[in-house]
Amino acid sequence: MRTWTWPAIVVGILGLTVAGNLWVMRIAKADPSFAIEQDYYQRAVNYDARRGIEQRSDRLGWHLDLRAGPIGPTGAMLSVMLRDSTDAPVDSAQVVVRLTRVARSQTVIPVSLRPVAGGYEAVVPIDAAGLWDVALEARRGPARFVALRRLDVAAAPGS
């Protein structure tokens, strides 16, 4: 009986280690602030192409003004103003944004903005105040403008 004492201790410690790791994995998977980067390998492979798009976008000389109103019952009003290198408004572009909540990076909201006088806007179904990453893509003819900005969205007054 005494010959099984040390092997039983080793097996017990290994069993506790496996059980502890499974418990930690379960907690990590249930945490909404934890997210796995989707397609990270493909993004790394396409890094040079992405940098080329960003450099061509920078050469356009377009400027972005991005604002979000306070959160209301249906979300927040997102307003975008684009100006070209001569400071003229960029009209008749197709503008699409993808919002990612910084604190809960699994929350991604894609939105197409509609043209309005002086820019583009849409009501975005944002339900939480805080920091959001906004990836914007605007296309007008062959021109393609991309930008990534961080936006602080305020809660509705009185909430």
Protein backbone atom coordinates (compact mmCIF):
# COMPACT_ATOMS: atom_id res chain seq x y z
CA MET A 1 0.00 0.00 0.00
CA ARG A 2 2.87 2.31 0.76
CA THR A 3 4.26 2.09 -2.82
CA TRP A 4 1.19 3.92 -4.18
CA THR A 5 1.44 6.99 -1.92
CA TRP A 6 3.76 9.15 -4.06
CA PRO A 7 2.15 8.27 -7.41
CA ALA A 8 -1.27 9.06 -5.90
CA ILE A 9 -0.02 12.46 -4.68
CA VAL A 10 1.42 13.27 -8.14
CA VAL A 11 -1.79 12.19 -9.90
CA GLY A 12 -3.84 14.21 -7.39
CA ILE A 13 -1.77 17.37 -7.97
CA LEU A 14 -2.00 16.96 -11.75
CA GLY A 15 -5.76 16.40 -11.48
CA LEU A 16 -6.15 19.58 -9.40
CA THR A 17 -4.08 21.50 -11.97
CA VAL A 18 -6.27 20.33 -14.86
CA ALA A 19 -9.45 21.10 -12.89
CA GLY A 20 -8.13 24.56 -11.98
CA ASN A 21 -7.25 25.33 -15.61
CA LEU A 22 -10.69 24.22 -16.80
CA TRP A 23 -12.29 26.47 -14.17
CA VAL A 24 -10.18 29.48 -15.23
CA MET A 25 -11.00 28.86 -18.93
CA ARG A 26 -14.71 28.78 -18.10
CA ILE A 27 -14.48 32.10 -16.22
CA ALA A 28 -12.47 33.71 -19.04
CA LYS A 29 -14.95 32.57 -21.68
CA ALA A 30 -17.90 33.98 -19.72
CA ASP A 31 -16.29 37.42 -19.26
CA PRO A 32 -17.82 39.88 -21.78
CA SER A 33 -14.77 42.14 -21.63
CA PHE A 34 -12.59 39.35 -23.00
CA ALA A 35 -12.54 38.84 -26.75
CA ILE A 36 -10.48 36.84 -29.17
CA GLU A 37 -9.11 38.75 -32.15
CA GLN A 38 -10.94 37.34 -35.15
CA ASP A 39 -8.81 36.29 -38.14
CA TYR A 40 -5.64 37.60 -36.53
CA TYR A 41 -3.42 35.52 -38.82
CA GLN A 42 -5.13 36.74 -41.99
CA ARG A 43 -4.90 40.34 -40.73
CA ALA A 44 -1.18 39.86 -40.17
CA VAL A 45 -0.72 38.40 -43.65
CA ASN A 46 -2.61 41.37 -45.16
CA TYR A 47 -0.78 44.00 -43.09
CA ASP A 48 1.24 45.40 -45.99
CA ALA A 49 -1.88 45.74 -48.16
CA ARG A 50 -3.69 47.49 -45.30
CA ARG A 51 -0.78 49.92 -44.81
CA GLY A 52 -0.87 50.67 -48.56
CA ILE A 53 -4.59 51.54 -48.31
CA GLU A 54 -3.88 53.79 -45.32
CA GLN A 55 -1.04 55.56 -47.14
CA ARG A 56 -3.20 56.20 -50.24
CA SER A 57 -5.92 57.46 -47.91
CA ASP A 58 -3.46 59.84 -46.24
CA ARG A 59 -2.39 61.20 -49.64
CA LEU A 60 -6.00 62.23 -50.34
CA GLY A 61 -5.63 64.89 -47.65
CA TRP A 62 -9.16 64.40 -46.36
CA HIS A 63 -9.98 65.47 -42.80
CA LEU A 64 -12.52 63.84 -40.51
CA ASP A 65 -14.66 65.43 -37.82
CA LEU A 66 -16.52 62.77 -35.84
CA ARG A 67 -19.10 63.44 -33.12
CA ALA A 68 -21.64 61.44 -31.17
CA GLY A 69 -24.61 62.84 -29.33
CA PRO A 70 -25.74 61.53 -25.95
CA ILE A 71 -27.36 58.12 -25.80
CA GLY A 72 -31.14 58.23 -26.16
CA PRO A 73 -33.82 55.54 -26.25
CA THR A 74 -32.81 54.36 -29.75
CA GLY A 75 -29.07 54.96 -29.47
CA ALA A 76 -26.77 57.89 -30.21
CA MET A 77 -26.65 60.19 -33.22
CA LEU A 78 -23.30 59.76 -34.98
CA SER A 79 -22.27 62.70 -37.17
CA VAL A 80 -19.36 62.71 -39.61
CA MET A 81 -18.02 65.64 -41.55
CA LEU A 82 -15.44 64.99 -44.26
CA ARG A 83 -13.39 67.76 -45.89
CA ASP A 84 -10.93 67.40 -48.74
CA SER A 85 -7.46 68.92 -49.02
CA THR A 86 -8.94 72.29 -50.10
CA ASP A 87 -11.24 72.28 -47.04
CA ALA A 88 -14.31 71.73 -49.22
CA PRO A 89 -16.94 69.27 -47.96
CA VAL A 90 -16.73 65.76 -49.41
CA ASP A 91 -20.22 65.17 -50.79
CA SER A 92 -21.82 62.11 -52.38
CA ALA A 93 -19.54 59.56 -50.73
CA GLN A 94 -20.58 56.18 -49.36
CA VAL A 95 -19.66 56.23 -45.67
CA VAL A 96 -19.62 53.11 -43.52
CA VAL A 97 -18.46 52.86 -39.92
CA ARG A 98 -17.79 49.93 -37.64
CA LEU A 99 -18.02 50.73 -33.94
CA THR A 100 -16.33 48.53 -31.34
CA ARG A 101 -16.87 49.10 -27.65
CA VAL A 102 -13.49 49.31 -25.94
CA ALA A 103 -14.68 47.81 -22.63
CA ARG A 104 -16.59 44.98 -24.33
CA SER A 105 -14.69 44.32 -27.54
CA GLN A 106 -17.07 41.57 -28.60
CA THR A 107 -19.64 44.31 -29.29
CA VAL A 108 -19.20 45.41 -32.93
CA ILE A 109 -21.82 47.56 -34.69
CA PRO A 110 -21.60 48.14 -38.46
CA VAL A 111 -23.55 51.20 -39.71
CA SER A 112 -23.99 52.95 -43.07
CA LEU A 113 -24.32 56.71 -42.73
CA ARG A 114 -26.74 58.74 -44.84
CA PRO A 115 -25.77 62.05 -46.40
CA VAL A 116 -27.19 65.20 -44.78
CA ALA A 117 -26.43 68.88 -45.19
CA GLY A 118 -22.82 69.33 -44.13
CA GLY A 119 -21.89 65.69 -43.72
CA TYR A 120 -23.22 62.25 -42.91
CA GLU A 121 -25.14 60.84 -39.97
CA ALA A 122 -27.01 57.88 -38.54
CA VAL A 123 -28.57 56.81 -35.28
CA VAL A 124 -26.28 54.10 -33.95
CA PRO A 125 -27.79 51.49 -31.60
CA ILE A 126 -25.31 52.18 -28.81
CA ASP A 127 -26.62 51.19 -25.39
CA ALA A 128 -23.64 52.07 -23.21
CA ALA A 129 -21.66 55.23 -22.59
CA GLY A 130 -17.89 55.12 -22.70
CA LEU A 131 -15.11 54.71 -25.21
CA TRP A 132 -15.81 53.29 -28.65
CA ASP A 133 -13.38 52.66 -31.51
CA VAL A 134 -14.76 53.88 -34.83
CA ALA A 135 -13.33 52.44 -38.06
CA LEU A 136 -14.56 54.61 -40.94
CA GLU A 137 -14.42 53.94 -44.67
CA ALA A 138 -15.61 56.54 -47.19
CA ARG A 139 -15.68 55.95 -50.93
CA ARG A 140 -16.26 58.53 -53.62
CA GLY A 141 -15.48 57.35 -57.11
CA PRO A 142 -12.00 55.79 -57.08
CA ALA A 143 -11.07 57.61 -53.85
CA ARG A 144 -11.12 55.53 -50.69
CA PHE A 145 -10.60 57.16 -47.28
CA VAL A 146 -10.07 55.08 -44.14
CA ALA A 147 -9.65 56.28 -40.58
CA LEU A 148 -9.67 54.87 -37.08
CA ARG A 149 -10.72 57.13 -34.21
CA ARG A 150 -11.61 56.68 -30.56
CA LEU A 151 -14.85 58.34 -29.51
CA ASP A 152 -16.14 59.07 -26.02
CA VAL A 153 -19.92 58.62 -26.03
CA ALA A 154 -21.77 60.37 -23.23
CA ALA A 155 -24.78 59.05 -21.35
CA ALA A 156 -28.09 60.84 -21.73
CA PRO A 157 -28.52 63.79 -19.35
CA GLY A 158 -30.06 62.71 -16.06
CA SER A 159 -29.12 59.04 -16.37
